Amino acid sequence: MQINRLKIFTDEAFYFDMPDFYVWKKHIDNIILIEENNEKNNLHTEPENECNVRAKRTAWNSHARYPVLEDLSLKIKQILSDFIDKEGYDIPNLVLRDCWINWYTKDQHATPHTHDPDLSVVFFVDVEDSGANFLFHSSKNFILTKTKKDKLLSVNALKKIDVKNGSVVFFDGAIPHSVSSNLSDKRRVTVAMNFKAVYNSERNEY
């Protein structure tokens, strides 16, 4: 009897190069300098509660604390909105939920995690030569994992994303993702954002 295959879902992530990258990088480096100096006087904005990011980070609402991050989020939102309009996605409006800066020193990382049902964005500010990778994780439970001669065959449950300084990646925040350890003595810097999809009127899906 013939058994046929049917692909059910496929996930996508998208990326672009950030315009005026070096201008934004200078601003972000300055914020990190401020945070590190303020830490000496206990005036930094880093949240006290531990989360998936095992590194230094600013407050989740850093766009409300640093005007330049508000400007950055507005620029990225415009790029995303133009893409949504061009591709015909059903997202009438995007509202920024949170925005923060991460900076990883040697051996620091981010454990696998997801976000609320948001459009998640990562701006890679200074990541080259750190040896760390941004990873997407499959959410499959692998009930149908194959074996050969009683040995479990390896399963590709990870997808490494090749990025460079200035890359911006956006994706469905429900997709599990992580950051592997920084293997270098160089600081690794990213900016993360989550946008909520807002519908201006009641939607009749069926």
N, C-alpha and C. Protein backbone atom coordinates (compact mmCIF):
# COMPACT_ATOMS: atom_id res chain seq x y z
N MET A 1 0.85 -1.20 0.00
CA MET A 1 0.00 0.00 0.00
C MET A 1 0.89 1.25 0.00
N GLN A 2 0.54 2.19 -0.81
CA GLN A 2 1.32 3.42 -0.90
C GLN A 2 0.93 4.40 0.21
N ILE A 3 1.93 4.92 0.90
CA ILE A 3 1.74 5.96 1.91
C ILE A 3 2.25 7.28 1.32
N ASN A 4 1.42 8.25 1.28
CA ASN A 4 1.79 9.55 0.70
C ASN A 4 2.17 10.55 1.79
N ARG A 5 3.03 11.48 1.43
CA ARG A 5 3.47 12.52 2.36
C ARG A 5 2.70 13.81 2.12
N LEU A 6 2.42 14.51 3.21
CA LEU A 6 1.74 15.79 3.12
C LEU A 6 2.43 16.79 4.05
N LYS A 7 3.08 17.78 3.49
CA LYS A 7 3.71 18.82 4.29
C LYS A 7 2.61 19.71 4.86
N ILE A 8 2.65 19.94 6.17
CA ILE A 8 1.57 20.67 6.83
C ILE A 8 1.90 22.15 6.97
N PHE A 9 2.98 22.48 7.69
CA PHE A 9 3.32 23.87 7.91
C PHE A 9 4.81 24.09 7.64
N THR A 10 5.14 25.28 7.27
CA THR A 10 6.54 25.69 7.17
C THR A 10 6.67 27.06 7.82
N ASP A 11 7.74 27.28 8.57
CA ASP A 11 7.99 28.56 9.22
C ASP A 11 8.95 29.39 8.38
N GLU A 12 8.80 30.70 8.48
CA GLU A 12 9.69 31.60 7.77
C GLU A 12 10.21 32.67 8.71
N ALA A 13 11.43 33.10 8.45
CA ALA A 13 11.99 34.29 9.10
C ALA A 13 12.46 35.20 7.98
N PHE A 14 12.57 36.48 8.27
CA PHE A 14 12.90 37.47 7.26
C PHE A 14 14.04 38.34 7.78
N TYR A 15 14.80 38.94 6.88
CA TYR A 15 15.91 39.78 7.33
C TYR A 15 16.18 40.89 6.33
N PHE A 16 16.83 41.94 6.82
CA PHE A 16 17.27 43.05 5.97
C PHE A 16 18.46 43.72 6.64
N ASP A 17 19.14 44.58 5.90
CA ASP A 17 20.26 45.36 6.44
C ASP A 17 19.73 46.69 6.95
N MET A 18 20.08 47.04 8.17
CA MET A 18 19.58 48.25 8.81
C MET A 18 20.18 49.49 8.16
N PRO A 19 19.33 50.39 7.65
CA PRO A 19 19.85 51.66 7.10
C PRO A 19 20.55 52.46 8.19
N ASP A 20 21.60 53.20 7.80
CA ASP A 20 22.35 54.05 8.73
C ASP A 20 22.85 53.25 9.92
N PHE A 21 23.34 52.06 9.63
CA PHE A 21 23.74 51.15 10.70
C PHE A 21 24.75 51.76 11.66
N TYR A 22 25.80 52.39 11.15
CA TYR A 22 26.87 52.88 12.02
C TYR A 22 26.39 54.02 12.91
N VAL A 23 25.41 54.78 12.47
CA VAL A 23 24.83 55.82 13.32
C VAL A 23 24.11 55.19 14.51
N TRP A 24 23.29 54.16 14.22
CA TRP A 24 22.57 53.47 15.30
C TRP A 24 23.55 52.76 16.24
N LYS A 25 24.58 52.15 15.67
CA LYS A 25 25.56 51.44 16.50
C LYS A 25 26.23 52.39 17.50
N LYS A 26 26.56 53.57 17.07
CA LYS A 26 27.19 54.54 17.95
C LYS A 26 26.26 54.89 19.12
N HIS A 27 24.99 55.10 18.83
CA HIS A 27 24.03 55.40 19.89
C HIS A 27 23.90 54.24 20.88
N ILE A 28 23.84 53.02 20.35
CA ILE A 28 23.67 51.85 21.21
C ILE A 28 24.91 51.63 22.07
N ASP A 29 26.09 51.81 21.50
CA ASP A 29 27.32 51.71 22.29
C ASP A 29 27.33 52.73 23.42
N ASN A 30 26.82 53.91 23.15
CA ASN A 30 26.77 54.95 24.18
C ASN A 30 25.82 54.57 25.31
N ILE A 31 24.69 53.95 24.96
CA ILE A 31 23.75 53.51 25.99
C ILE A 31 24.39 52.45 26.89
N ILE A 32 25.10 51.51 26.27
CA ILE A 32 25.77 50.47 27.06
C ILE A 32 26.80 51.10 27.99
N LEU A 33 27.53 52.09 27.50
CA LEU A 33 28.51 52.79 28.34
C LEU A 33 27.83 53.46 29.53
N ILE A 34 26.68 54.09 29.27
CA ILE A 34 25.92 54.73 30.34
C ILE A 34 25.48 53.68 31.36
N GLU A 35 24.94 52.56 30.88
CA GLU A 35 24.46 51.51 31.77
C GLU A 35 25.59 50.95 32.62
N GLU A 36 26.74 50.73 32.01
CA GLU A 36 27.86 50.16 32.75
C GLU A 36 28.41 51.14 33.78
N ASN A 37 28.41 52.41 33.44
CA ASN A 37 28.85 53.42 34.41
C ASN A 37 27.84 53.56 35.55
N ASN A 38 26.56 53.51 35.20
CA ASN A 38 25.52 53.63 36.23
C ASN A 38 25.49 52.43 37.15
N GLU A 39 25.92 51.27 36.64
CA GLU A 39 25.92 50.06 37.46
C GLU A 39 26.79 50.24 38.70
N LYS A 40 27.86 51.00 38.56
CA LYS A 40 28.76 51.24 39.68
C LYS A 40 28.04 51.97 40.81
N ASN A 41 27.03 52.77 40.45
CA ASN A 41 26.26 53.53 41.44
C ASN A 41 24.85 52.97 41.63
N ASN A 42 24.65 51.74 41.10
CA ASN A 42 23.35 51.06 41.21
C ASN A 42 22.23 51.88 40.57
N LEU A 43 22.53 52.52 39.44
CA LEU A 43 21.54 53.33 38.74
C LEU A 43 21.19 52.74 37.36
N HIS A 44 21.69 51.56 37.07
CA HIS A 44 21.43 50.94 35.78
C HIS A 44 19.97 50.48 35.71
N THR A 45 19.50 50.14 34.52
CA THR A 45 18.09 49.76 34.34
C THR A 45 17.91 48.25 34.17
N GLU A 46 18.94 47.45 34.35
CA GLU A 46 18.83 46.01 34.14
C GLU A 46 17.81 45.40 35.09
N PRO A 47 16.87 44.60 34.58
CA PRO A 47 15.89 43.94 35.46
C PRO A 47 16.57 43.05 36.48
N GLU A 48 15.98 42.95 37.65
CA GLU A 48 16.56 42.13 38.71
C GLU A 48 16.28 40.65 38.51
N ASN A 49 15.13 40.32 37.95
CA ASN A 49 14.75 38.92 37.78
C ASN A 49 15.51 38.27 36.64
N GLU A 50 16.00 37.07 36.89
CA GLU A 50 16.72 36.34 35.85
C GLU A 50 15.74 35.86 34.78
N CYS A 51 16.18 35.85 33.54
CA CYS A 51 15.34 35.36 32.44
C CYS A 51 16.19 34.49 31.53
N ASN A 52 15.71 34.26 30.33
CA ASN A 52 16.44 33.40 29.39
C ASN A 52 17.76 34.02 28.94
N VAL A 53 17.88 35.34 29.01
CA VAL A 53 19.12 36.01 28.59
C VAL A 53 20.11 35.97 29.75
N ARG A 54 21.14 35.17 29.60
CA ARG A 54 22.17 35.05 30.62
C ARG A 54 23.30 36.02 30.28
N ALA A 55 22.95 37.29 30.27
CA ALA A 55 23.90 38.34 29.89
C ALA A 55 23.39 39.66 30.44
N LYS A 56 24.14 40.72 30.21
CA LYS A 56 23.69 42.04 30.62
C LYS A 56 22.61 42.51 29.67
N ARG A 57 21.64 43.27 30.20
CA ARG A 57 20.58 43.78 29.36
C ARG A 57 19.97 45.02 30.01
N THR A 58 19.34 45.83 29.19
CA THR A 58 18.64 46.99 29.71
C THR A 58 17.20 46.60 30.05
N ALA A 59 16.45 47.55 30.57
CA ALA A 59 15.05 47.31 30.92
C ALA A 59 14.24 46.95 29.68
N TRP A 60 13.16 46.19 29.90
CA TRP A 60 12.31 45.76 28.79
C TRP A 60 11.67 46.95 28.07
N ASN A 61 11.46 48.04 28.77
CA ASN A 61 10.85 49.23 28.16
C ASN A 61 11.89 50.30 27.87
N SER A 62 13.02 49.88 27.36
CA SER A 62 14.12 50.82 27.14
C SER A 62 13.78 51.89 26.11
N HIS A 63 12.80 51.63 25.25
CA HIS A 63 12.38 52.65 24.29
C HIS A 63 11.73 53.83 24.99
N ALA A 64 11.20 53.61 26.21
CA ALA A 64 10.61 54.70 26.99
C ALA A 64 11.66 55.42 27.82
N ARG A 65 12.82 54.82 27.97
CA ARG A 65 13.88 55.40 28.79
C ARG A 65 14.96 56.10 27.95
N TYR A 66 15.15 55.61 26.74
CA TYR A 66 16.16 56.18 25.84
C TYR A 66 15.47 56.58 24.54
N PRO A 67 15.33 57.88 24.28
CA PRO A 67 14.62 58.35 23.07
C PRO A 67 15.18 57.78 21.77
N VAL A 68 16.48 57.53 21.72
CA VAL A 68 17.05 57.02 20.47
C VAL A 68 16.53 55.61 20.17
N LEU A 69 16.21 54.82 21.21
CA LEU A 69 15.64 53.50 20.97
C LEU A 69 14.19 53.60 20.51
N GLU A 70 13.50 54.62 20.95
CA GLU A 70 12.16 54.89 20.42
C GLU A 70 12.26 55.23 18.94
N ASP A 71 13.25 56.06 18.58
CA ASP A 71 13.46 56.40 17.16
C ASP A 71 13.81 55.15 16.35
N LEU A 72 14.67 54.31 16.90
CA LEU A 72 15.05 53.08 16.22
C LEU A 72 13.83 52.18 16.00
N SER A 73 13.01 52.04 17.02
CA SER A 73 11.83 51.18 16.90
C SER A 73 10.85 51.72 15.86
N LEU A 74 10.73 53.04 15.78
CA LEU A 74 9.84 53.64 14.78
C LEU A 74 10.36 53.39 13.36
N LYS A 75 11.68 53.46 13.20
CA LYS A 75 12.28 53.20 11.89
C LYS A 75 12.04 51.75 11.47
N ILE A 76 12.28 50.83 12.39
CA ILE A 76 12.07 49.42 12.10
C ILE A 76 10.59 49.13 11.86
N LYS A 77 9.73 49.73 12.66
CA LYS A 77 8.29 49.54 12.47
C LYS A 77 7.86 49.98 11.07
N GLN A 78 8.40 51.09 10.58
CA GLN A 78 8.05 51.55 9.24
C GLN A 78 8.48 50.55 8.18
N ILE A 79 9.68 49.99 8.34
CA ILE A 79 10.17 48.99 7.39
C ILE A 79 9.28 47.76 7.42
N LEU A 80 8.92 47.31 8.62
CA LEU A 80 8.04 46.15 8.75
C LEU A 80 6.66 46.42 8.16
N SER A 81 6.13 47.61 8.43
CA SER A 81 4.79 47.96 7.92
C SER A 81 4.78 48.01 6.39
N ASP A 82 5.85 48.55 5.80
CA ASP A 82 5.94 48.58 4.34
C ASP A 82 5.98 47.17 3.77
N PHE A 83 6.73 46.28 4.45
CA PHE A 83 6.81 44.88 4.01
C PHE A 83 5.45 44.20 4.12
N ILE A 84 4.76 44.43 5.25
CA ILE A 84 3.44 43.83 5.46
C ILE A 84 2.46 44.28 4.38
N ASP A 85 2.47 45.57 4.07
CA ASP A 85 1.58 46.08 3.03
C ASP A 85 1.91 45.47 1.67
N LYS A 86 3.19 45.40 1.36
CA LYS A 86 3.62 44.88 0.05
C LYS A 86 3.25 43.41 -0.12
N GLU A 87 3.43 42.63 0.96
CA GLU A 87 3.20 41.18 0.88
C GLU A 87 1.74 40.81 1.13
N GLY A 88 0.94 41.75 1.64
CA GLY A 88 -0.48 41.49 1.86
C GLY A 88 -0.80 40.71 3.11
N TYR A 89 0.06 40.80 4.12
CA TYR A 89 -0.22 40.12 5.39
C TYR A 89 -1.36 40.83 6.13
N ASP A 90 -2.11 40.04 6.91
CA ASP A 90 -3.28 40.57 7.61
C ASP A 90 -2.86 41.12 8.97
N ILE A 91 -2.11 42.22 8.96
CA ILE A 91 -1.69 42.88 10.20
C ILE A 91 -1.92 44.38 10.00
N PRO A 92 -3.10 44.90 10.38
CA PRO A 92 -3.41 46.32 10.14
C PRO A 92 -2.47 47.28 10.85
N ASN A 93 -2.02 46.91 12.06
CA ASN A 93 -1.19 47.86 12.81
C ASN A 93 -0.24 47.11 13.73
N LEU A 94 0.93 47.68 13.95
CA LEU A 94 1.92 47.12 14.86
C LEU A 94 2.11 48.07 16.03
N VAL A 95 2.10 47.52 17.24
CA VAL A 95 2.33 48.31 18.44
C VAL A 95 3.53 47.72 19.17
N LEU A 96 4.52 48.55 19.47
CA LEU A 96 5.71 48.08 20.16
C LEU A 96 5.36 47.67 21.58
N ARG A 97 5.66 46.41 21.91
CA ARG A 97 5.39 45.91 23.26
C ARG A 97 6.60 46.14 24.17
N ASP A 98 7.79 45.81 23.68
CA ASP A 98 8.99 46.03 24.47
C ASP A 98 10.22 46.11 23.58
N CYS A 99 11.28 46.66 24.14
CA CYS A 99 12.53 46.89 23.41
C CYS A 99 13.66 46.94 24.42
N TRP A 100 14.74 46.22 24.16
CA TRP A 100 15.87 46.23 25.10
C TRP A 100 17.17 45.88 24.37
N ILE A 101 18.27 46.17 25.03
CA ILE A 101 19.61 45.87 24.51
C ILE A 101 20.19 44.71 25.30
N ASN A 102 20.81 43.76 24.59
CA ASN A 102 21.56 42.67 25.22
C ASN A 102 23.04 42.83 24.90
N TRP A 103 23.90 42.60 25.88
CA TRP A 103 25.32 42.50 25.54
C TRP A 103 25.95 41.35 26.32
N TYR A 104 26.55 40.44 25.54
CA TYR A 104 27.07 39.18 26.05
C TYR A 104 28.59 39.24 26.11
N THR A 105 29.16 38.90 27.26
CA THR A 105 30.60 38.72 27.36
C THR A 105 30.91 37.23 27.24
N LYS A 106 32.15 36.86 27.44
CA LYS A 106 32.56 35.49 27.20
C LYS A 106 31.73 34.49 28.00
N ASP A 107 31.30 33.42 27.31
CA ASP A 107 30.54 32.30 27.86
C ASP A 107 29.08 32.64 28.17
N GLN A 108 28.65 33.87 27.94
CA GLN A 108 27.25 34.20 28.17
C GLN A 108 26.40 33.82 26.97
N HIS A 109 25.10 33.59 27.19
CA HIS A 109 24.24 33.02 26.16
C HIS A 109 22.78 33.34 26.49
N ALA A 110 21.88 32.84 25.63
CA ALA A 110 20.44 32.92 25.90
C ALA A 110 19.86 31.53 25.70
N THR A 111 19.11 31.07 26.69
CA THR A 111 18.53 29.73 26.62
C THR A 111 17.32 29.72 25.67
N PRO A 112 16.94 28.55 25.17
CA PRO A 112 15.78 28.48 24.26
C PRO A 112 14.52 29.04 24.91
N HIS A 113 13.79 29.85 24.14
CA HIS A 113 12.59 30.50 24.68
C HIS A 113 11.71 30.95 23.53
N THR A 114 10.51 31.37 23.87
CA THR A 114 9.58 31.98 22.92
C THR A 114 9.08 33.28 23.52
N HIS A 115 8.38 34.06 22.72
CA HIS A 115 7.74 35.28 23.19
C HIS A 115 6.22 35.12 23.07
N ASP A 116 5.50 36.11 23.55
CA ASP A 116 4.06 36.12 23.34
C ASP A 116 3.78 36.09 21.84
N PRO A 117 2.53 35.92 21.43
CA PRO A 117 2.24 35.89 19.98
C PRO A 117 2.50 37.25 19.34
N ASP A 118 3.77 37.55 19.20
CA ASP A 118 4.21 38.84 18.68
C ASP A 118 5.05 38.63 17.42
N LEU A 119 5.32 39.75 16.76
CA LEU A 119 6.33 39.77 15.72
C LEU A 119 7.63 40.19 16.39
N SER A 120 8.57 39.27 16.48
CA SER A 120 9.83 39.51 17.19
C SER A 120 10.90 39.98 16.22
N VAL A 121 11.75 40.89 16.72
CA VAL A 121 12.80 41.49 15.91
C VAL A 121 14.11 41.42 16.67
N VAL A 122 15.19 41.07 15.98
CA VAL A 122 16.54 41.15 16.56
C VAL A 122 17.42 41.94 15.61
N PHE A 123 18.01 42.99 16.14
CA PHE A 123 18.96 43.85 15.41
C PHE A 123 20.35 43.46 15.89
N PHE A 124 21.16 42.91 14.98
CA PHE A 124 22.50 42.43 15.32
C PHE A 124 23.49 43.58 15.16
N VAL A 125 23.91 44.13 16.29
CA VAL A 125 24.72 45.36 16.29
C VAL A 125 26.20 45.05 16.21
N ASP A 126 26.68 44.13 17.05
CA ASP A 126 28.11 43.79 17.06
C ASP A 126 28.23 42.32 17.42
N VAL A 127 28.21 41.46 16.42
CA VAL A 127 28.14 40.02 16.66
C VAL A 127 29.22 39.22 15.95
N GLU A 128 29.87 39.83 14.99
CA GLU A 128 30.86 39.09 14.20
C GLU A 128 32.07 38.73 15.05
N ASP A 129 32.63 37.56 14.78
CA ASP A 129 33.84 37.07 15.44
C ASP A 129 33.63 36.73 16.92
N SER A 130 32.36 36.61 17.34
CA SER A 130 32.11 36.24 18.74
C SER A 130 32.00 34.73 18.92
N GLY A 131 31.83 34.02 17.82
CA GLY A 131 31.66 32.58 17.88
C GLY A 131 30.29 32.14 18.34
N ALA A 132 29.42 33.11 18.64
CA ALA A 132 28.05 32.80 19.09
C ALA A 132 27.12 32.76 17.88
N ASN A 133 26.09 31.93 17.99
CA ASN A 133 25.12 31.78 16.90
C ASN A 133 23.71 32.04 17.39
N PHE A 134 22.91 32.65 16.51
CA PHE A 134 21.47 32.79 16.76
C PHE A 134 20.81 31.55 16.18
N LEU A 135 20.03 30.84 17.00
CA LEU A 135 19.49 29.55 16.62
C LEU A 135 17.97 29.52 16.71
N PHE A 136 17.34 28.92 15.71
CA PHE A 136 15.92 28.58 15.79
C PHE A 136 15.82 27.09 16.14
N HIS A 137 14.81 26.75 16.95
CA HIS A 137 14.62 25.38 17.40
C HIS A 137 13.31 24.84 16.84
N SER A 138 13.36 23.60 16.39
CA SER A 138 12.14 22.95 15.95
C SER A 138 11.27 22.63 17.16
N SER A 139 9.97 22.81 17.02
CA SER A 139 9.05 22.48 18.11
C SER A 139 8.48 21.08 17.97
N LYS A 140 8.98 20.30 17.03
CA LYS A 140 8.49 18.94 16.83
C LYS A 140 8.88 18.06 18.02
N ASN A 141 8.04 17.08 18.32
CA ASN A 141 8.38 16.16 19.40
C ASN A 141 9.01 14.86 18.89
N PHE A 142 9.14 14.72 17.57
CA PHE A 142 9.89 13.63 16.96
C PHE A 142 9.38 12.24 17.34
N ILE A 143 8.05 12.09 17.39
CA ILE A 143 7.50 10.76 17.62
C ILE A 143 7.91 9.82 16.50
N LEU A 144 8.04 10.36 15.27
CA LEU A 144 8.38 9.51 14.13
C LEU A 144 9.86 9.59 13.76
N THR A 145 10.71 9.78 14.75
CA THR A 145 12.15 9.80 14.50
C THR A 145 12.61 8.42 14.00
N LYS A 146 13.44 8.40 12.96
CA LYS A 146 13.88 7.14 12.36
C LYS A 146 15.06 6.54 13.11
N THR A 147 15.17 5.21 13.03
CA THR A 147 16.32 4.49 13.57
C THR A 147 16.90 3.62 12.46
N LYS A 148 18.16 3.26 12.64
CA LYS A 148 18.82 2.37 11.68
C LYS A 148 19.72 1.43 12.47
N LYS A 149 19.47 0.13 12.35
CA LYS A 149 20.23 -0.87 13.09
C LYS A 149 20.23 -0.55 14.59
N ASP A 150 19.03 -0.24 15.09
CA ASP A 150 18.80 0.03 16.51
C ASP A 150 19.48 1.30 17.01
N LYS A 151 19.95 2.13 16.10
CA LYS A 151 20.56 3.39 16.50
C LYS A 151 19.66 4.54 16.05
N LEU A 152 19.48 5.49 16.92
CA LEU A 152 18.65 6.66 16.60
C LEU A 152 19.40 7.56 15.64
N LEU A 153 18.79 7.85 14.52
CA LEU A 153 19.43 8.73 13.55
C LEU A 153 19.37 10.17 14.05
N SER A 154 20.39 10.93 13.74
CA SER A 154 20.44 12.32 14.17
C SER A 154 19.31 13.10 13.50
N VAL A 155 18.76 14.05 14.24
CA VAL A 155 17.65 14.84 13.75
C VAL A 155 18.06 16.30 13.77
N ASN A 156 17.81 16.98 12.66
CA ASN A 156 18.18 18.39 12.58
C ASN A 156 17.09 19.23 13.24
N ALA A 157 17.25 19.48 14.53
CA ALA A 157 16.25 20.23 15.28
C ALA A 157 16.64 21.68 15.45
N LEU A 158 17.81 22.08 14.92
CA LEU A 158 18.30 23.44 15.04
C LEU A 158 18.56 24.04 13.67
N LYS A 159 18.36 25.34 13.58
CA LYS A 159 18.68 26.07 12.36
C LYS A 159 19.51 27.28 12.74
N LYS A 160 20.77 27.27 12.34
CA LYS A 160 21.64 28.40 12.63
C LYS A 160 21.41 29.50 11.60
N ILE A 161 21.29 30.73 12.07
CA ILE A 161 21.08 31.86 11.19
C ILE A 161 22.38 32.63 11.03
N ASP A 162 22.86 32.72 9.81
CA ASP A 162 24.08 33.46 9.54
C ASP A 162 23.76 34.95 9.43
N VAL A 163 24.31 35.73 10.33
CA VAL A 163 24.05 37.17 10.35
C VAL A 163 25.37 37.92 10.38
N LYS A 164 25.29 39.19 10.09
CA LYS A 164 26.45 40.07 10.16
C LYS A 164 26.05 41.32 10.92
N ASN A 165 27.03 42.13 11.25
CA ASN A 165 26.73 43.39 11.91
C ASN A 165 25.82 44.23 11.01
N GLY A 166 24.72 44.69 11.56
CA GLY A 166 23.77 45.48 10.79
C GLY A 166 22.57 44.70 10.30
N SER A 167 22.59 43.37 10.46
CA SER A 167 21.43 42.56 10.05
C SER A 167 20.27 42.74 11.02
N VAL A 168 19.07 42.73 10.48
CA VAL A 168 17.85 42.72 11.30
C VAL A 168 17.02 41.52 10.87
N VAL A 169 16.70 40.65 11.82
CA VAL A 169 15.89 39.46 11.55
C VAL A 169 14.55 39.61 12.26
N PHE A 170 13.45 39.32 11.56
CA PHE A 170 12.15 39.34 12.22
C PHE A 170 11.40 38.05 11.91
N PHE A 171 10.57 37.62 12.89
CA PHE A 171 9.97 36.30 12.81
C PHE A 171 8.83 36.20 13.81
N ASP A 172 8.04 35.14 13.69
CA ASP A 172 6.97 34.84 14.63
C ASP A 172 7.60 34.52 15.98
N GLY A 173 7.28 35.31 17.01
CA GLY A 173 7.89 35.12 18.32
C GLY A 173 7.56 33.80 18.98
N ALA A 174 6.58 33.07 18.45
CA ALA A 174 6.23 31.76 19.00
C ALA A 174 7.22 30.67 18.59
N ILE A 175 8.11 30.97 17.65
CA ILE A 175 9.13 30.01 17.24
C ILE A 175 10.24 29.99 18.29
N PRO A 176 10.55 28.84 18.87
CA PRO A 176 11.63 28.79 19.87
C PRO A 176 12.97 29.22 19.27
N HIS A 177 13.74 29.99 20.04
CA HIS A 177 15.03 30.48 19.57
C HIS A 177 15.97 30.68 20.75
N SER A 178 17.26 30.77 20.46
CA SER A 178 18.25 30.91 21.51
C SER A 178 19.52 31.54 20.93
N VAL A 179 20.49 31.78 21.80
CA VAL A 179 21.81 32.27 21.40
C VAL A 179 22.85 31.37 22.06
N SER A 180 23.74 30.82 21.26
CA SER A 180 24.80 29.98 21.84
C SER A 180 25.83 30.85 22.54
N SER A 181 26.72 30.23 23.29
CA SER A 181 27.67 30.96 24.13
C SER A 181 28.64 31.80 23.29
N ASN A 182 28.94 32.96 23.82
CA ASN A 182 29.99 33.81 23.24
C ASN A 182 31.33 33.14 23.53
N LEU A 183 32.01 32.73 22.49
CA LEU A 183 33.27 31.99 22.66
C LEU A 183 34.50 32.89 22.67
N SER A 184 34.29 34.18 22.52
CA SER A 184 35.40 35.11 22.39
C SER A 184 35.48 36.04 23.61
N ASP A 185 36.50 36.87 23.60
CA ASP A 185 36.64 37.92 24.62
C ASP A 185 36.01 39.21 24.14
N LYS A 186 35.33 39.14 23.02
CA LYS A 186 34.69 40.32 22.43
C LYS A 186 33.24 40.41 22.88
N ARG A 187 32.78 41.60 23.13
CA ARG A 187 31.38 41.81 23.52
C ARG A 187 30.46 41.61 22.31
N ARG A 188 29.36 40.89 22.55
CA ARG A 188 28.36 40.65 21.50
C ARG A 188 27.12 41.45 21.83
N VAL A 189 26.64 42.30 20.89
CA VAL A 189 25.57 43.25 21.17
C VAL A 189 24.41 43.06 20.21
N THR A 190 23.20 42.98 20.77
CA THR A 190 21.98 42.94 19.95
C THR A 190 20.92 43.84 20.59
N VAL A 191 19.95 44.24 19.77
CA VAL A 191 18.77 44.92 20.26
C VAL A 191 17.57 44.05 19.90
N ALA A 192 16.71 43.81 20.88
CA ALA A 192 15.52 42.98 20.64
C ALA A 192 14.26 43.80 20.81
N MET A 193 13.25 43.48 20.02
CA MET A 193 11.95 44.15 20.09
C MET A 193 10.84 43.14 19.86
N ASN A 194 9.68 43.40 20.44
CA ASN A 194 8.49 42.62 20.16
C ASN A 194 7.35 43.57 19.80
N PHE A 195 6.73 43.32 18.65
CA PHE A 195 5.60 44.11 18.19
C PHE A 195 4.32 43.28 18.28
N LYS A 196 3.29 43.87 18.82
CA LYS A 196 1.98 43.22 18.89
C LYS A 196 1.15 43.60 17.68
N ALA A 197 0.50 42.62 17.08
CA ALA A 197 -0.41 42.89 15.96
C ALA A 197 -1.74 43.39 16.52
N VAL A 198 -2.16 44.56 16.09
CA VAL A 198 -3.40 45.16 16.58
C VAL A 198 -4.37 45.30 15.42
N TYR A 199 -5.60 44.87 15.64
CA TYR A 199 -6.64 44.96 14.62
C TYR A 199 -7.61 46.06 14.99
N ASN A 200 -7.83 46.97 14.07
CA ASN A 200 -8.61 48.17 14.35
C ASN A 200 -10.11 47.92 14.40
N SER A 201 -10.55 46.77 13.93
CA SER A 201 -11.98 46.46 13.96
C SER A 201 -12.14 44.94 14.14
N GLU A 202 -13.33 44.52 14.47
CA GLU A 202 -13.59 43.11 14.68
C GLU A 202 -13.38 42.34 13.39
N ARG A 203 -12.72 41.18 13.51
CA ARG A 203 -12.40 40.37 12.33
C ARG A 203 -13.32 39.17 12.27
N ASN A 204 -13.88 38.92 11.11
CA ASN A 204 -14.71 37.74 10.88
C ASN A 204 -13.88 36.74 10.06
N GLU A 205 -13.30 35.77 10.76
CA GLU A 205 -12.39 34.84 10.08
C GLU A 205 -13.12 33.72 9.39
N TYR A 206 -14.36 33.42 9.81
CA TYR A 206 -15.08 32.30 9.21
C TYR A 206 -16.46 32.74 8.75
